[in-house]
Amino acid sequence: MAVITVRNIPDDIHRALRLRAAQHGRSTEAEVRVILESAVKPHGRLKLGTLMVEHSQRAGVTQDDVAAFERALQDQRAQQSYEPLKFE
């Protein structure tokens, strides 16, 4: 795990952290980890598929559009020839 050192924390902020940690029954270090985690992690797991569907719906993409895209992709793949990779 990584280690972070934070310097020059004002005394009043340090006191507030210690107080908050005590209220939650944690060490100051553990409290800082909880605060950092809640600040940088999304509350729910980011679901890429759901995000893509939402954007597509807002853009007005229909099932017919998706089907046409899939047919075009299959046609393109059928026209291409593939060779295995060579690791020499």
N, C-alpha and C. Protein backbone atom coordinates (compact mmCIF):
# COMPACT_ATOMS: atom_id res chain seq x y z
N MET A 1 0.83 -1.18 0.00
CA MET A 1 0.00 0.00 0.00
C MET A 1 0.87 1.24 0.00
N ALA A 2 0.36 2.29 -0.56
CA ALA A 2 1.07 3.55 -0.64
C ALA A 2 1.03 4.28 0.70
N VAL A 3 2.00 5.14 0.89
CA VAL A 3 2.07 5.97 2.09
C VAL A 3 2.08 7.42 1.65
N ILE A 4 1.25 8.24 2.28
CA ILE A 4 1.17 9.67 1.98
C ILE A 4 1.50 10.44 3.24
N THR A 5 2.35 11.44 3.10
CA THR A 5 2.65 12.34 4.21
C THR A 5 2.07 13.69 3.89
N VAL A 6 1.28 14.23 4.79
CA VAL A 6 0.68 15.55 4.59
C VAL A 6 1.31 16.48 5.61
N ARG A 7 1.96 17.50 5.11
CA ARG A 7 2.65 18.45 5.99
C ARG A 7 1.85 19.73 6.14
N ASN A 8 2.18 20.47 7.17
CA ASN A 8 1.63 21.82 7.38
C ASN A 8 0.12 21.85 7.52
N ILE A 9 -0.42 20.89 8.24
CA ILE A 9 -1.86 20.90 8.53
C ILE A 9 -2.07 21.88 9.68
N PRO A 10 -2.95 22.84 9.50
CA PRO A 10 -3.20 23.80 10.60
C PRO A 10 -3.68 23.07 11.85
N ASP A 11 -3.31 23.63 13.00
CA ASP A 11 -3.66 23.01 14.29
C ASP A 11 -5.16 22.79 14.45
N ASP A 12 -5.97 23.76 14.01
CA ASP A 12 -7.41 23.60 14.18
C ASP A 12 -7.95 22.45 13.32
N ILE A 13 -7.39 22.24 12.14
CA ILE A 13 -7.81 21.12 11.29
C ILE A 13 -7.39 19.80 11.94
N HIS A 14 -6.18 19.76 12.48
CA HIS A 14 -5.71 18.54 13.14
C HIS A 14 -6.57 18.20 14.35
N ARG A 15 -6.93 19.21 15.13
CA ARG A 15 -7.81 18.98 16.28
C ARG A 15 -9.17 18.46 15.82
N ALA A 16 -9.70 19.05 14.75
CA ALA A 16 -11.01 18.61 14.24
C ALA A 16 -10.93 17.16 13.75
N LEU A 17 -9.83 16.79 13.12
CA LEU A 17 -9.65 15.41 12.67
C LEU A 17 -9.60 14.45 13.86
N ARG A 18 -8.84 14.83 14.89
CA ARG A 18 -8.75 13.97 16.07
C ARG A 18 -10.11 13.83 16.74
N LEU A 19 -10.87 14.91 16.82
CA LEU A 19 -12.19 14.87 17.43
C LEU A 19 -13.13 13.99 16.61
N ARG A 20 -13.12 14.19 15.30
CA ARG A 20 -13.98 13.38 14.43
C ARG A 20 -13.62 11.90 14.54
N ALA A 21 -12.31 11.60 14.58
CA ALA A 21 -11.87 10.21 14.71
C ALA A 21 -12.36 9.62 16.03
N ALA A 22 -12.25 10.37 17.11
CA ALA A 22 -12.70 9.88 18.41
C ALA A 22 -14.21 9.63 18.39
N GLN A 23 -14.96 10.50 17.75
CA GLN A 23 -16.41 10.33 17.67
C GLN A 23 -16.78 9.05 16.92
N HIS A 24 -15.94 8.65 15.97
CA HIS A 24 -16.20 7.44 15.18
C HIS A 24 -15.46 6.22 15.73
N GLY A 25 -14.73 6.41 16.83
CA GLY A 25 -14.02 5.29 17.43
C GLY A 25 -12.84 4.80 16.61
N ARG A 26 -12.19 5.72 15.90
CA ARG A 26 -11.06 5.36 15.04
C ARG A 26 -9.85 6.18 15.41
N SER A 27 -8.71 5.74 14.93
CA SER A 27 -7.51 6.56 15.05
C SER A 27 -7.61 7.71 14.06
N THR A 28 -6.80 8.73 14.28
CA THR A 28 -6.79 9.86 13.34
C THR A 28 -6.41 9.39 11.95
N GLU A 29 -5.43 8.50 11.87
CA GLU A 29 -4.98 7.97 10.58
C GLU A 29 -6.11 7.22 9.88
N ALA A 30 -6.83 6.40 10.61
CA ALA A 30 -7.96 5.67 10.02
C ALA A 30 -9.05 6.62 9.57
N GLU A 31 -9.28 7.67 10.33
CA GLU A 31 -10.30 8.65 9.96
C GLU A 31 -9.92 9.36 8.66
N VAL A 32 -8.64 9.70 8.52
CA VAL A 32 -8.18 10.35 7.30
C VAL A 32 -8.37 9.42 6.10
N ARG A 33 -8.10 8.11 6.29
CA ARG A 33 -8.32 7.15 5.20
C ARG A 33 -9.78 7.12 4.78
N VAL A 34 -10.69 7.11 5.76
CA VAL A 34 -12.13 7.10 5.46
C VAL A 34 -12.53 8.36 4.71
N ILE A 35 -12.03 9.51 5.15
CA ILE A 35 -12.35 10.78 4.49
C ILE A 35 -11.84 10.78 3.06
N LEU A 36 -10.60 10.35 2.86
CA LEU A 36 -10.04 10.31 1.50
C LEU A 36 -10.82 9.36 0.60
N GLU A 37 -11.16 8.19 1.13
CA GLU A 37 -11.90 7.22 0.33
C GLU A 37 -13.25 7.78 -0.09
N SER A 38 -13.96 8.40 0.83
CA SER A 38 -15.28 8.93 0.48
C SER A 38 -15.17 10.11 -0.49
N ALA A 39 -14.05 10.80 -0.47
CA ALA A 39 -13.89 11.95 -1.36
C ALA A 39 -13.56 11.54 -2.80
N VAL A 40 -12.86 10.42 -2.97
CA VAL A 40 -12.39 10.09 -4.32
C VAL A 40 -13.11 8.91 -4.97
N LYS A 41 -13.83 8.11 -4.20
CA LYS A 41 -14.54 6.98 -4.78
C LYS A 41 -16.00 7.34 -5.00
N PRO A 42 -16.56 6.91 -6.13
CA PRO A 42 -17.99 7.17 -6.33
C PRO A 42 -18.81 6.38 -5.31
N HIS A 43 -19.96 6.91 -4.98
CA HIS A 43 -20.81 6.26 -3.98
C HIS A 43 -21.29 4.90 -4.46
N GLY A 44 -21.60 4.79 -5.71
CA GLY A 44 -21.99 3.51 -6.28
C GLY A 44 -20.96 3.12 -7.32
N ARG A 45 -20.89 1.87 -7.62
CA ARG A 45 -19.94 1.40 -8.62
C ARG A 45 -20.31 1.97 -9.98
N LEU A 46 -19.34 2.49 -10.69
CA LEU A 46 -19.58 3.02 -12.02
C LEU A 46 -19.85 1.86 -12.96
N LYS A 47 -20.99 1.87 -13.59
CA LYS A 47 -21.38 0.79 -14.49
C LYS A 47 -21.34 1.34 -15.91
N LEU A 48 -20.31 0.96 -16.64
CA LEU A 48 -20.08 1.50 -17.98
C LEU A 48 -21.24 1.22 -18.92
N GLY A 49 -21.78 0.00 -18.87
CA GLY A 49 -22.89 -0.34 -19.75
C GLY A 49 -24.10 0.54 -19.50
N THR A 50 -24.43 0.75 -18.25
CA THR A 50 -25.56 1.61 -17.90
C THR A 50 -25.32 3.03 -18.38
N LEU A 51 -24.10 3.51 -18.19
CA LEU A 51 -23.74 4.86 -18.64
C LEU A 51 -23.89 4.99 -20.15
N MET A 52 -23.47 3.97 -20.89
CA MET A 52 -23.57 4.01 -22.36
C MET A 52 -25.03 4.01 -22.80
N VAL A 53 -25.86 3.21 -22.15
CA VAL A 53 -27.28 3.16 -22.50
C VAL A 53 -27.93 4.53 -22.25
N GLU A 54 -27.61 5.14 -21.11
CA GLU A 54 -28.19 6.45 -20.79
C GLU A 54 -27.79 7.50 -21.82
N HIS A 55 -26.52 7.51 -22.21
CA HIS A 55 -26.07 8.47 -23.22
C HIS A 55 -26.74 8.19 -24.57
N SER A 56 -26.86 6.92 -24.92
CA SER A 56 -27.50 6.56 -26.20
C SER A 56 -28.95 6.99 -26.22
N GLN A 57 -29.64 6.79 -25.11
CA GLN A 57 -31.04 7.19 -25.04
C GLN A 57 -31.19 8.71 -25.19
N ARG A 58 -30.31 9.46 -24.53
CA ARG A 58 -30.37 10.93 -24.65
C ARG A 58 -30.07 11.38 -26.08
N ALA A 59 -29.22 10.61 -26.78
CA ALA A 59 -28.85 10.97 -28.15
C ALA A 59 -29.91 10.49 -29.15
N GLY A 60 -30.89 9.70 -28.70
CA GLY A 60 -31.95 9.23 -29.58
C GLY A 60 -31.59 8.00 -30.38
N VAL A 61 -30.59 7.23 -29.93
CA VAL A 61 -30.20 6.00 -30.62
C VAL A 61 -31.29 4.95 -30.40
N THR A 62 -31.72 4.31 -31.49
CA THR A 62 -32.78 3.30 -31.41
C THR A 62 -32.19 1.90 -31.58
N GLN A 63 -33.02 0.89 -31.35
CA GLN A 63 -32.58 -0.50 -31.56
C GLN A 63 -32.26 -0.74 -33.03
N ASP A 64 -32.98 -0.07 -33.93
CA ASP A 64 -32.68 -0.20 -35.36
C ASP A 64 -31.29 0.35 -35.66
N ASP A 65 -30.91 1.45 -35.01
CA ASP A 65 -29.56 2.01 -35.19
C ASP A 65 -28.50 1.01 -34.73
N VAL A 66 -28.75 0.38 -33.60
CA VAL A 66 -27.80 -0.60 -33.06
C VAL A 66 -27.69 -1.79 -33.99
N ALA A 67 -28.82 -2.28 -34.49
CA ALA A 67 -28.80 -3.42 -35.40
C ALA A 67 -28.04 -3.08 -36.68
N ALA A 68 -28.25 -1.87 -37.20
CA ALA A 68 -27.53 -1.45 -38.42
C ALA A 68 -26.02 -1.38 -38.15
N PHE A 69 -25.64 -0.88 -37.01
CA PHE A 69 -24.23 -0.81 -36.65
C PHE A 69 -23.63 -2.21 -36.55
N GLU A 70 -24.36 -3.13 -35.92
CA GLU A 70 -23.86 -4.50 -35.78
C GLU A 70 -23.71 -5.17 -37.13
N ARG A 71 -24.67 -4.95 -38.06
CA ARG A 71 -24.56 -5.52 -39.40
C ARG A 71 -23.35 -4.95 -40.13
N ALA A 72 -23.13 -3.65 -40.02
CA ALA A 72 -21.98 -3.03 -40.68
C ALA A 72 -20.67 -3.56 -40.10
N LEU A 73 -20.63 -3.77 -38.80
CA LEU A 73 -19.44 -4.30 -38.16
C LEU A 73 -19.18 -5.73 -38.61
N GLN A 74 -20.22 -6.55 -38.70
CA GLN A 74 -20.06 -7.92 -39.17
C GLN A 74 -19.58 -7.94 -40.62
N ASP A 75 -20.13 -7.08 -41.46
CA ASP A 75 -19.70 -7.00 -42.85
C ASP A 75 -18.22 -6.62 -42.94
N GLN A 76 -17.82 -5.66 -42.14
CA GLN A 76 -16.42 -5.23 -42.16
C GLN A 76 -15.50 -6.35 -41.69
N ARG A 77 -15.90 -7.06 -40.65
CA ARG A 77 -15.07 -8.16 -40.15
C ARG A 77 -14.98 -9.29 -41.17
N ALA A 78 -16.05 -9.53 -41.92
CA ALA A 78 -16.05 -10.59 -42.92
C ALA A 78 -15.09 -10.27 -44.06
N GLN A 79 -14.85 -9.00 -44.31
CA GLN A 79 -13.98 -8.60 -45.42
C GLN A 79 -12.50 -8.61 -45.02
N GLN A 80 -12.21 -8.65 -43.76
CA GLN A 80 -10.83 -8.59 -43.30
C GLN A 80 -10.30 -10.00 -43.05
N SER A 81 -9.02 -10.16 -43.36
CA SER A 81 -8.38 -11.43 -43.04
C SER A 81 -7.43 -11.19 -41.87
N TYR A 82 -7.34 -12.15 -41.03
CA TYR A 82 -6.51 -12.03 -39.84
C TYR A 82 -5.41 -13.07 -39.87
N GLU A 83 -4.25 -12.68 -39.42
CA GLU A 83 -3.14 -13.61 -39.30
C GLU A 83 -2.74 -13.66 -37.82
N PRO A 84 -2.35 -14.83 -37.37
CA PRO A 84 -1.93 -14.92 -35.97
C PRO A 84 -0.68 -14.08 -35.72
N LEU A 85 -0.55 -13.60 -34.51
CA LEU A 85 0.63 -12.83 -34.13
C LEU A 85 1.85 -13.74 -34.09
N LYS A 86 2.99 -13.18 -34.45
CA LYS A 86 4.24 -13.94 -34.41
C LYS A 86 5.12 -13.33 -33.34
N PHE A 87 5.57 -14.15 -32.43
CA PHE A 87 6.44 -13.71 -31.36
C PHE A 87 7.82 -14.30 -31.60
N GLU A 88 8.63 -13.55 -32.28
CA GLU A 88 9.97 -14.05 -32.60
C GLU A 88 11.03 -13.15 -32.05
